[in-house]
């Protein structure tokens, strides 16, 4: 709970927040962090069996079934919250739900790329629209969870990066459009975070190459090996999800929230961030030198 000795932050008692994608990783850590800070947290999960368990007084953390890709589920969630929220409305929405896909764009499954956008972009916008009446009533805030991949697109991360670039645009637009009603919009842009999602995504990419044409493995297999090697280097200095959760708490409680919060930037991640501001030709050359040469 925040105390009067912390003047840069507003007190958070009696506020309600909806967190999407709260079953694991950053979302799970965020639900726990916000509940410890005194918020009544509604943890959006596809299956309540996967919901985080509260370590705070009863009633501070409530699982809510929410599939951001299901229109009926998205419509039902705010109605459910409306009966449970204490006070005038929502104090915040932490839009964290996301899935990952790693694959060369030449061979990426269009159905999987489409699902990536449905979860990471369309679903979050749908939840935002559905929650806006409660956010207006509660003079709440919106926090989007972006990524370094929303500033820098690298080989094999194209599908995921495209969704995070799109999320940057949504956050910027919403921030300007909702300003007249006092609804602040921030985006948290983590660097390397230890959630294990990229290891699984790269394993899926390996399998997808084997299922494609005979040329797919020869053309992109060596590059994928390099990507896995670079990902392993980043993983050694990756931050815990709780670091990102604390940034989300700041975006929700800072008296003057920033448009962007960049966290979990280790030395290797800061080096990657520098790539995004280099001239395009120089950036492409550095990336090419870091990956094994593609075969014909």
Protein backbone atom coordinates (compact mmCIF):
# COMPACT_ATOMS: atom_id res chain seq x y z
CA UNK A 1 0.00 0.00 0.00
CA UNK A 2 1.31 3.46 -0.86
CA UNK A 3 1.91 5.89 1.99
CA UNK A 4 1.76 9.71 2.26
CA UNK A 5 5.58 9.70 2.10
CA UNK A 6 5.30 8.83 -1.60
CA UNK A 7 3.94 12.10 -3.09
CA UNK A 8 4.78 11.34 -6.76
CA UNK A 9 2.23 8.54 -6.77
CA UNK A 10 -1.47 8.56 -6.11
CA UNK A 11 -2.97 6.30 -3.48
CA UNK A 12 -4.41 3.13 -5.01
CA UNK A 13 -6.83 1.79 -2.42
CA UNK A 14 -10.34 0.90 -3.58
CA UNK A 15 -9.38 1.01 -7.25
CA UNK A 16 -10.25 -1.83 -9.62
CA UNK A 17 -8.03 -2.94 -12.50
CA UNK A 18 -8.51 -5.50 -15.26
CA UNK A 19 -5.38 -7.37 -16.38
CA UNK A 20 -5.53 -9.38 -19.60
CA UNK A 21 -3.36 -12.44 -20.18
CA UNK A 22 -2.88 -13.01 -16.46
CA UNK A 23 -2.35 -16.77 -16.52
CA UNK A 24 1.45 -16.65 -16.81
CA UNK A 25 4.56 -14.53 -17.27
CA UNK A 26 4.21 -10.76 -17.18
CA UNK A 27 0.43 -10.82 -16.79
CA UNK A 28 0.54 -13.14 -13.78
CA UNK A 29 3.28 -11.05 -12.13
CA UNK A 30 1.32 -7.86 -12.85
CA UNK A 31 -1.88 -9.18 -11.28
CA UNK A 32 0.06 -10.08 -8.12
CA UNK A 33 1.95 -6.75 -8.02
CA UNK A 34 -1.19 -4.66 -8.42
CA UNK A 35 -3.09 -6.62 -5.81
CA UNK A 36 -0.25 -6.17 -3.32
CA UNK A 37 -0.39 -2.43 -4.03
CA UNK A 38 -4.00 -2.32 -2.90
CA UNK A 39 -5.94 -2.63 -6.15
CA UNK A 40 -8.89 -4.93 -6.61
CA UNK A 41 -7.52 -6.94 -9.51
CA UNK A 42 -9.63 -8.78 -12.05
CA UNK A 43 -7.24 -11.29 -13.64
CA UNK A 44 -8.35 -12.08 -17.18
CA UNK A 45 -7.55 -15.68 -18.14
CA UNK A 46 -8.85 -18.07 -20.78
CA UNK A 47 -9.24 -20.77 -18.11
CA UNK A 48 -9.77 -19.85 -14.46
CA UNK A 49 -7.80 -22.95 -13.48
CA UNK A 50 -4.69 -21.05 -14.71
CA UNK A 51 -5.45 -17.90 -12.71
CA UNK A 52 -2.90 -16.47 -10.27
CA UNK A 53 -3.72 -17.13 -6.63
CA UNK A 54 -3.90 -14.15 -4.28
CA UNK A 55 -1.37 -13.71 -1.49
CA UNK A 56 -3.32 -10.75 -0.20
CA UNK A 57 -6.61 -10.34 1.70
CA UNK A 58 -9.64 -12.10 0.25
CA UNK A 59 -11.30 -10.27 -2.61
CA UNK A 60 -8.23 -8.40 -3.90
CA UNK A 61 -7.64 -10.76 -6.83
CA UNK A 62 -10.55 -12.24 -8.78
CA UNK A 63 -10.12 -14.51 -11.84
CA UNK A 64 -12.27 -13.56 -14.83
CA UNK A 65 -12.72 -15.77 -17.88
CA UNK A 66 -11.59 -13.64 -20.80
CA UNK A 67 -10.51 -14.81 -24.26
CA UNK A 68 -9.52 -11.62 -26.10
CA UNK A 69 -10.16 -13.30 -29.48
CA UNK A 70 -13.74 -14.25 -28.61
CA UNK A 71 -16.26 -11.47 -29.18
CA UNK A 72 -18.79 -12.90 -26.73
CA UNK A 73 -16.14 -13.29 -24.02
CA UNK A 74 -14.93 -9.72 -24.52
CA UNK A 75 -18.47 -8.32 -24.31
CA UNK A 76 -19.30 -10.37 -21.22
CA UNK A 77 -16.23 -9.42 -19.17
CA UNK A 78 -17.08 -5.72 -18.55
CA UNK A 79 -20.66 -6.68 -17.69
CA UNK A 80 -19.30 -9.11 -15.10
CA UNK A 81 -16.95 -6.46 -13.73
CA UNK A 82 -19.73 -3.89 -13.53
CA UNK A 83 -21.46 -5.96 -10.86
CA UNK A 84 -18.26 -6.45 -8.86
CA UNK A 85 -16.32 -3.18 -9.11
CA UNK A 86 -16.23 -1.19 -5.88
CA UNK A 87 -16.53 2.52 -6.61
CA UNK A 88 -17.42 4.43 -9.77
CA UNK A 89 -15.62 2.29 -12.35
CA UNK A 90 -12.26 0.92 -13.42
CA UNK A 91 -9.07 2.59 -12.24
CA UNK A 92 -7.14 0.87 -14.98
CA UNK A 93 -6.78 -1.65 -17.77
CA UNK A 94 -3.48 -3.49 -18.18
CA UNK A 95 -3.53 -4.88 -21.71
CA UNK A 96 -0.95 -7.66 -21.58
CA UNK A 97 -2.44 -10.62 -23.46
CA UNK A 98 -0.07 -11.77 -26.21
CA UNK A 99 1.19 -14.78 -28.07
CA UNK A 100 4.46 -15.27 -29.94
CA UNK A 101 5.33 -16.57 -33.38
CA UNK A 102 8.83 -16.95 -34.80
CA UNK A 103 9.21 -17.83 -38.47
CA UNK A 104 10.72 -16.47 -41.69
CA UNK A 105 8.00 -14.45 -43.39
CA UNK A 106 8.51 -16.40 -46.62
CA UNK A 107 7.20 -19.55 -44.91
CA UNK A 108 5.16 -18.35 -41.94
CA UNK A 109 1.68 -19.84 -41.76
CA UNK A 110 -0.82 -17.15 -42.72
CA UNK A 111 -3.34 -18.64 -40.28
CA UNK A 112 -0.79 -18.39 -37.46
CA UNK A 113 0.17 -14.83 -38.43
CA UNK A 114 -3.51 -13.90 -38.49
CA UNK A 115 -3.98 -15.37 -35.02
CA UNK A 116 -0.94 -13.42 -33.82
CA UNK A 117 -2.68 -10.19 -34.84
CA UNK A 118 -6.02 -11.33 -33.41
CA UNK A 119 -4.49 -11.83 -29.96
CA UNK A 120 -1.81 -9.12 -29.82
CA UNK A 121 -3.63 -6.28 -31.57
CA UNK A 122 -7.31 -6.80 -32.45
CA UNK A 123 -8.09 -8.54 -29.17
CA UNK A 124 -6.52 -5.78 -27.07
CA UNK A 125 -8.37 -3.09 -28.98
CA UNK A 126 -11.64 -5.00 -28.53
CA UNK A 127 -11.09 -5.26 -24.77
CA UNK A 128 -10.22 -1.54 -24.62
CA UNK A 129 -13.44 -0.60 -26.42
CA UNK A 130 -15.50 -2.84 -24.18
CA UNK A 131 -13.89 -1.48 -20.99
CA UNK A 132 -14.08 2.21 -21.94
CA UNK A 133 -17.45 2.94 -20.27
CA UNK A 134 -16.05 1.68 -16.94
CA UNK A 135 -12.76 3.51 -17.53
CA UNK A 136 -14.60 6.76 -18.23
CA UNK A 137 -16.63 6.35 -15.05
CA UNK A 138 -13.55 5.64 -12.98
CA UNK A 139 -11.27 8.15 -14.71
CA UNK A 140 -9.04 5.15 -15.29
CA UNK A 141 -5.84 4.55 -17.18
CA UNK A 142 -4.82 2.19 -19.96
CA UNK A 143 -1.45 0.46 -20.00
CA UNK A 144 -0.39 -1.46 -23.09
CA UNK A 145 2.42 -4.01 -22.83
CA UNK A 146 4.61 -3.57 -25.88
CA UNK A 147 8.15 -4.76 -26.53
CA UNK A 148 11.55 -3.83 -27.85
CA UNK A 149 10.26 -5.67 -30.92
CA UNK A 150 7.88 -2.76 -31.40
CA UNK A 151 10.89 -0.55 -32.11
CA UNK A 152 13.17 -2.96 -33.96
CA UNK A 153 12.15 -5.72 -36.40
CA UNK A 154 14.70 -8.53 -36.74
CA UNK A 155 14.85 -11.67 -38.91
CA UNK A 156 12.51 -14.49 -37.85
CA UNK A 157 10.68 -12.24 -35.39
CA UNK A 158 8.69 -10.50 -38.13
CA UNK A 159 5.17 -11.71 -37.23
CA UNK A 160 5.56 -10.77 -33.57
CA UNK A 161 7.33 -7.48 -34.30
CA UNK A 162 4.59 -6.46 -36.73
CA UNK A 163 1.99 -6.80 -33.96
CA UNK A 164 4.09 -4.83 -31.48
CA UNK A 165 4.68 -2.04 -34.01
CA UNK A 166 0.91 -1.95 -34.47
CA UNK A 167 0.42 -1.77 -30.70
CA UNK A 168 2.70 1.28 -30.58
CA UNK A 169 0.38 2.98 -33.08
CA UNK A 170 -2.71 2.02 -31.08
CA UNK A 171 -1.20 3.36 -27.85
CA UNK A 172 -0.17 6.64 -29.48
CA UNK A 173 -3.57 7.15 -31.09
CA UNK A 174 -5.57 6.21 -28.00
CA UNK A 175 -3.44 8.51 -25.84
CA UNK A 176 -4.36 11.48 -28.03
CA UNK A 177 -8.00 10.53 -28.61
CA UNK A 178 -8.78 9.87 -24.92
CA UNK A 179 -6.91 12.85 -23.49
CA UNK A 180 -10.01 15.11 -23.45
CA UNK A 181 -11.63 12.71 -20.97
CA UNK A 182 -8.58 12.48 -18.72
CA UNK A 183 -7.85 8.84 -19.59
CA UNK A 184 -4.06 8.45 -19.68
CA UNK A 185 -2.58 5.84 -22.00
CA UNK A 186 0.93 4.46 -21.57
CA UNK A 187 2.88 1.69 -23.22
CA UNK A 188 5.46 -0.38 -21.35
CA UNK A 189 8.28 -1.52 -23.63
CA UNK A 190 10.24 -4.38 -22.03
CA UNK A 191 13.58 -5.56 -23.33
CA UNK A 192 14.59 -9.14 -22.55
CA UNK A 193 12.28 -10.82 -20.03
CA UNK A 194 12.70 -14.34 -18.65
CA UNK A 195 9.35 -15.88 -19.55
CA UNK A 196 10.50 -18.79 -21.73
CA UNK A 197 8.12 -17.87 -24.54
CA UNK A 198 10.82 -17.32 -27.14
CA UNK A 199 12.42 -20.70 -26.60
CA UNK A 200 9.09 -22.33 -27.37
CA UNK A 201 8.48 -20.03 -30.34
CA UNK A 202 11.86 -20.86 -31.90
CA UNK A 203 11.26 -24.58 -31.42
CA UNK A 204 7.97 -24.16 -33.28
CA UNK A 205 9.82 -22.32 -36.06
CA UNK A 206 12.24 -25.24 -36.36
CA UNK A 207 9.37 -27.69 -36.77
CA UNK A 208 7.60 -25.45 -39.27
CA UNK A 209 10.67 -25.38 -41.52
CA UNK A 210 10.70 -29.17 -41.59
CA UNK A 211 7.04 -29.18 -42.63
CA UNK A 212 7.53 -26.70 -45.48
CA UNK A 213 9.12 -27.23 -48.89
CA UNK A 214 12.45 -29.09 -49.14
CA UNK A 215 14.17 -25.74 -49.70
CA UNK A 216 12.93 -24.13 -46.47
CA UNK A 217 15.42 -25.86 -44.17
CA UNK A 218 18.35 -25.21 -46.53
CA UNK A 219 17.44 -21.57 -47.00
CA UNK A 220 16.57 -20.57 -43.45
CA UNK A 221 17.89 -23.30 -41.16
CA UNK A 222 21.36 -21.75 -40.69
CA UNK A 223 19.89 -18.33 -39.94
CA UNK A 224 17.54 -19.82 -37.38
CA UNK A 225 20.53 -21.42 -35.65
CA UNK A 226 22.07 -17.96 -35.35
CA UNK A 227 18.83 -16.51 -34.03
CA UNK A 228 18.67 -19.22 -31.35
CA UNK A 229 22.27 -18.48 -30.37
CA UNK A 230 21.58 -14.75 -30.07
CA UNK A 231 18.39 -15.42 -28.10
CA UNK A 232 20.35 -17.58 -25.65
CA UNK A 233 22.81 -14.71 -25.09
CA UNK A 234 19.95 -12.32 -24.33
CA UNK A 235 18.33 -14.85 -22.01
CA UNK A 236 21.39 -14.85 -19.73
CA UNK A 237 20.69 -11.25 -18.74
CA UNK A 238 16.91 -11.34 -19.02
CA UNK A 239 14.90 -9.66 -16.27
CA UNK A 240 12.20 -11.37 -14.24
CA UNK A 241 8.56 -10.59 -15.13
CA UNK A 242 8.21 -8.79 -11.81
CA UNK A 243 10.43 -6.00 -13.15
CA UNK A 244 7.89 -5.32 -15.90
CA UNK A 245 5.02 -5.65 -13.44
CA UNK A 246 6.51 -2.86 -11.33
CA UNK A 247 6.70 -0.63 -14.42
CA UNK A 248 3.02 -1.33 -15.10
CA UNK A 249 2.26 -0.37 -11.49
CA UNK A 250 4.14 2.90 -12.00
CA UNK A 251 2.22 3.66 -15.19
CA UNK A 252 -0.98 3.07 -13.24
CA UNK A 253 -0.05 5.13 -10.19
CA UNK A 254 2.37 7.88 -11.27
CA UNK A 255 0.76 11.26 -10.81
CA UNK A 256 1.90 12.22 -14.30
CA UNK A 257 2.21 8.96 -16.24
CA UNK A 258 4.72 8.84 -19.07
CA UNK A 259 3.74 7.85 -22.58
CA UNK A 260 6.47 5.17 -22.56
CA UNK A 261 8.17 3.11 -19.87
CA UNK A 262 11.27 1.21 -21.02
CA UNK A 263 12.38 -1.52 -18.61
CA UNK A 264 14.44 -4.73 -18.49
CA UNK A 265 17.20 -3.29 -20.67
CA UNK A 266 20.39 -5.21 -19.97
CA UNK A 267 23.63 -4.31 -21.77
CA UNK A 268 22.90 -6.69 -24.71
CA UNK A 269 19.36 -5.34 -24.95
CA UNK A 270 20.58 -1.74 -24.94
CA UNK A 271 22.91 -2.67 -27.81
CA UNK A 272 19.90 -3.97 -29.74
CA UNK A 273 18.00 -0.77 -28.97
CA UNK A 274 20.85 1.22 -30.54
CA UNK A 275 20.31 -0.68 -33.79
CA UNK A 276 16.91 0.95 -34.14
CA UNK A 277 18.45 4.43 -34.38
CA UNK A 278 21.28 3.56 -36.78
CA UNK A 279 21.03 4.26 -40.52
CA UNK A 280 19.10 1.42 -42.14
CA UNK A 281 21.98 0.15 -44.26
CA UNK A 282 24.34 0.00 -41.30
CA UNK A 283 21.75 -1.76 -39.16
CA UNK A 284 21.07 -4.37 -41.84
CA UNK A 285 24.79 -5.04 -42.25
CA UNK A 286 25.29 -5.56 -38.51
CA UNK A 287 22.33 -7.93 -38.33
CA UNK A 288 23.55 -9.87 -41.37
CA UNK A 289 27.00 -10.31 -39.82
CA UNK A 290 25.43 -11.78 -36.68
CA UNK A 291 23.66 -14.59 -38.57
CA UNK A 292 25.09 -17.52 -40.58
CA UNK A 293 24.88 -17.06 -44.34
CA UNK A 294 21.70 -18.33 -45.95
CA UNK A 295 21.97 -21.11 -48.47
CA UNK A 296 20.40 -21.10 -51.89
